[in-house]
């Protein structure tokens, strides 16, 4: 069996109640650069979150809010 990377989860809704059924993990086969793409995505998200946090902190400072 090959190596797989978990890329997320999915869950269906119960037609009777509208609630979520148990979540099921989603996997892709670790080939054709999937592992490198995973690492690049982690780096990109880290930069995005850092940028958003800096904007938040700058806004707090302008508003005179101490954190």
N, C-alpha and C. Protein backbone atom coordinates (compact mmCIF):
# COMPACT_ATOMS: atom_id res chain seq x y z
N UNK A 1 0.84 -1.18 0.00
CA UNK A 1 0.00 0.00 0.00
C UNK A 1 0.88 1.24 0.00
N UNK A 2 0.51 2.25 -0.79
CA UNK A 2 1.29 3.46 -0.91
C UNK A 2 1.10 4.39 0.27
N UNK A 3 1.83 5.49 0.24
CA UNK A 3 1.76 6.50 1.29
C UNK A 3 0.69 7.52 0.90
N UNK A 4 -0.12 7.94 1.90
CA UNK A 4 -1.19 8.90 1.66
C UNK A 4 -1.06 10.07 2.63
N UNK A 5 -1.54 11.25 2.20
CA UNK A 5 -1.50 12.46 3.00
C UNK A 5 -2.94 12.89 3.26
N UNK A 6 -3.27 13.16 4.52
CA UNK A 6 -4.60 13.65 4.84
C UNK A 6 -4.69 15.13 4.47
N UNK A 7 -5.70 15.48 3.67
CA UNK A 7 -5.84 16.85 3.20
C UNK A 7 -7.06 17.57 3.78
N UNK A 8 -7.85 16.87 4.55
CA UNK A 8 -9.02 17.50 5.14
C UNK A 8 -10.01 16.47 5.62
N UNK A 9 -11.19 16.94 5.94
CA UNK A 9 -12.28 16.07 6.36
C UNK A 9 -13.56 16.53 5.67
N UNK A 10 -14.50 15.61 5.59
CA UNK A 10 -15.80 15.94 5.03
C UNK A 10 -16.87 15.25 5.87
N UNK A 11 -18.06 15.80 5.87
CA UNK A 11 -19.17 15.19 6.59
C UNK A 11 -20.46 15.47 5.84
N UNK A 12 -21.28 14.46 5.74
CA UNK A 12 -22.60 14.62 5.14
C UNK A 12 -23.58 15.13 6.19
N UNK A 13 -24.71 15.63 5.72
CA UNK A 13 -25.77 16.05 6.64
C UNK A 13 -26.85 14.97 6.68
N UNK A 14 -27.42 14.79 7.85
CA UNK A 14 -28.53 13.86 8.03
C UNK A 14 -29.77 14.49 7.40
N UNK A 15 -30.39 13.84 6.42
CA UNK A 15 -31.55 14.44 5.76
C UNK A 15 -32.73 14.66 6.71
N UNK A 16 -32.85 13.84 7.73
CA UNK A 16 -33.98 13.96 8.65
C UNK A 16 -33.82 15.12 9.63
N UNK A 17 -32.62 15.28 10.20
CA UNK A 17 -32.42 16.28 11.25
C UNK A 17 -31.66 17.51 10.76
N UNK A 18 -30.91 17.39 9.67
CA UNK A 18 -30.11 18.50 9.18
C UNK A 18 -28.76 18.60 9.87
N UNK A 19 -28.53 17.75 10.89
CA UNK A 19 -27.25 17.75 11.60
C UNK A 19 -26.18 17.03 10.81
N UNK A 20 -24.95 17.22 11.23
CA UNK A 20 -23.83 16.57 10.55
C UNK A 20 -23.68 15.12 11.00
N UNK A 21 -23.36 14.27 10.04
CA UNK A 21 -23.00 12.89 10.34
C UNK A 21 -21.51 12.86 10.70
N UNK A 22 -20.99 11.75 11.20
CA UNK A 22 -19.56 11.71 11.57
C UNK A 22 -18.65 12.08 10.40
N UNK A 23 -17.59 12.83 10.73
CA UNK A 23 -16.63 13.29 9.72
C UNK A 23 -15.77 12.14 9.23
N UNK A 24 -15.39 12.23 7.97
CA UNK A 24 -14.55 11.22 7.33
C UNK A 24 -13.32 11.93 6.76
N UNK A 25 -12.10 11.44 7.05
CA UNK A 25 -10.91 12.10 6.52
C UNK A 25 -10.78 11.92 5.01
N UNK A 26 -10.18 12.94 4.36
CA UNK A 26 -9.91 12.89 2.92
C UNK A 26 -8.40 12.75 2.72
N UNK A 27 -8.00 11.87 1.82
CA UNK A 27 -6.59 11.59 1.58
C UNK A 27 -6.28 11.73 0.10
N UNK A 28 -5.02 12.08 -0.20
CA UNK A 28 -4.49 12.00 -1.55
C UNK A 28 -3.24 11.13 -1.50
N UNK A 29 -2.94 10.51 -2.62
CA UNK A 29 -1.74 9.68 -2.71
C UNK A 29 -0.51 10.59 -2.73
N UNK A 30 0.50 10.25 -1.95
CA UNK A 30 1.72 11.06 -1.83
C UNK A 30 2.63 10.78 -3.03
N UNK A 31 2.31 11.41 -4.15
CA UNK A 31 3.14 11.29 -5.35
C UNK A 31 3.03 12.56 -6.16
N UNK A 32 3.85 12.68 -7.16
CA UNK A 32 3.84 13.84 -8.06
C UNK A 32 3.95 15.17 -7.32
N UNK A 33 4.80 15.23 -6.32
CA UNK A 33 5.05 16.48 -5.64
C UNK A 33 4.04 16.86 -4.58
N UNK A 34 3.21 15.94 -4.14
CA UNK A 34 2.19 16.25 -3.14
C UNK A 34 2.82 16.69 -1.82
N UNK A 35 3.91 16.05 -1.42
CA UNK A 35 4.55 16.42 -0.15
C UNK A 35 5.17 17.82 -0.23
N UNK A 36 5.76 18.17 -1.36
CA UNK A 36 6.32 19.50 -1.52
C UNK A 36 5.21 20.54 -1.54
N UNK A 37 4.10 20.23 -2.19
CA UNK A 37 2.97 21.15 -2.24
C UNK A 37 2.38 21.34 -0.85
N UNK A 38 2.37 20.28 -0.05
CA UNK A 38 1.86 20.38 1.32
C UNK A 38 2.72 21.35 2.12
N UNK A 39 4.03 21.23 2.03
CA UNK A 39 4.93 22.12 2.77
C UNK A 39 4.80 23.56 2.29
N UNK A 40 4.65 23.77 1.00
CA UNK A 40 4.47 25.12 0.46
C UNK A 40 3.17 25.74 0.97
N UNK A 41 2.11 24.94 1.04
CA UNK A 41 0.83 25.43 1.57
C UNK A 41 0.96 25.84 3.02
N UNK A 42 1.67 25.05 3.82
CA UNK A 42 1.89 25.38 5.23
C UNK A 42 2.63 26.71 5.34
N UNK A 43 3.65 26.90 4.54
CA UNK A 43 4.41 28.16 4.55
C UNK A 43 3.54 29.34 4.13
N UNK A 44 2.75 29.16 3.07
CA UNK A 44 1.88 30.24 2.59
C UNK A 44 0.86 30.63 3.65
N UNK A 45 0.25 29.65 4.30
CA UNK A 45 -0.73 29.94 5.34
C UNK A 45 -0.09 30.65 6.53
N UNK A 46 1.11 30.23 6.89
CA UNK A 46 1.81 30.88 7.99
C UNK A 46 2.05 32.35 7.71
N UNK A 47 2.45 32.67 6.47
CA UNK A 47 2.67 34.07 6.09
C UNK A 47 1.35 34.85 6.10
N UNK A 48 0.29 34.23 5.61
CA UNK A 48 -1.01 34.88 5.58
C UNK A 48 -1.49 35.19 7.00
N UNK A 49 -1.40 34.22 7.91
CA UNK A 49 -1.84 34.43 9.29
C UNK A 49 -0.98 35.49 9.98
N UNK A 50 0.32 35.49 9.72
CA UNK A 50 1.19 36.48 10.33
C UNK A 50 0.83 37.88 9.83
N UNK A 51 0.53 38.00 8.55
CA UNK A 51 0.14 39.30 7.99
C UNK A 51 -1.16 39.79 8.63
N UNK A 52 -2.13 38.90 8.78
CA UNK A 52 -3.41 39.28 9.40
C UNK A 52 -3.22 39.67 10.86
N UNK A 53 -2.37 38.97 11.58
CA UNK A 53 -2.13 39.29 12.99
C UNK A 53 -1.44 40.65 13.11
N UNK A 54 -0.49 40.93 12.21
CA UNK A 54 0.18 42.23 12.24
C UNK A 54 -0.82 43.35 11.98
N UNK A 55 -1.72 43.17 11.03
CA UNK A 55 -2.73 44.18 10.75
C UNK A 55 -3.63 44.39 11.97
N UNK A 56 -3.98 43.32 12.65
CA UNK A 56 -4.80 43.41 13.86
C UNK A 56 -4.07 44.19 14.96
N UNK A 57 -2.81 43.84 15.19
CA UNK A 57 -2.04 44.51 16.23
C UNK A 57 -1.82 45.99 15.91
N UNK A 58 -1.56 46.30 14.64
CA UNK A 58 -1.41 47.70 14.23
C UNK A 58 -2.70 48.47 14.46
N UNK A 59 -3.84 47.84 14.14
CA UNK A 59 -5.13 48.48 14.36
C UNK A 59 -5.41 48.72 15.83
N UNK A 60 -5.04 47.76 16.68
CA UNK A 60 -5.21 47.93 18.11
C UNK A 60 -4.35 49.08 18.62
N UNK A 61 -3.13 49.16 18.11
CA UNK A 61 -2.23 50.22 18.55
C UNK A 61 -2.78 51.58 18.14
N UNK A 62 -3.31 51.70 16.92
CA UNK A 62 -3.89 52.96 16.46
C UNK A 62 -5.10 53.34 17.29
N UNK A 63 -5.87 52.35 17.75
CA UNK A 63 -7.06 52.60 18.53
C UNK A 63 -6.74 52.84 20.00
N UNK A 64 -5.49 52.66 20.38
CA UNK A 64 -5.07 52.87 21.77
C UNK A 64 -5.40 51.72 22.70
N UNK A 65 -5.62 50.55 22.15
CA UNK A 65 -5.93 49.35 22.94
C UNK A 65 -4.63 48.65 23.29
N UNK A 66 -4.44 48.36 24.57
CA UNK A 66 -3.24 47.63 24.99
C UNK A 66 -3.54 46.14 24.99
N UNK A 67 -2.61 45.38 24.46
CA UNK A 67 -2.78 43.93 24.39
C UNK A 67 -1.77 43.26 25.30
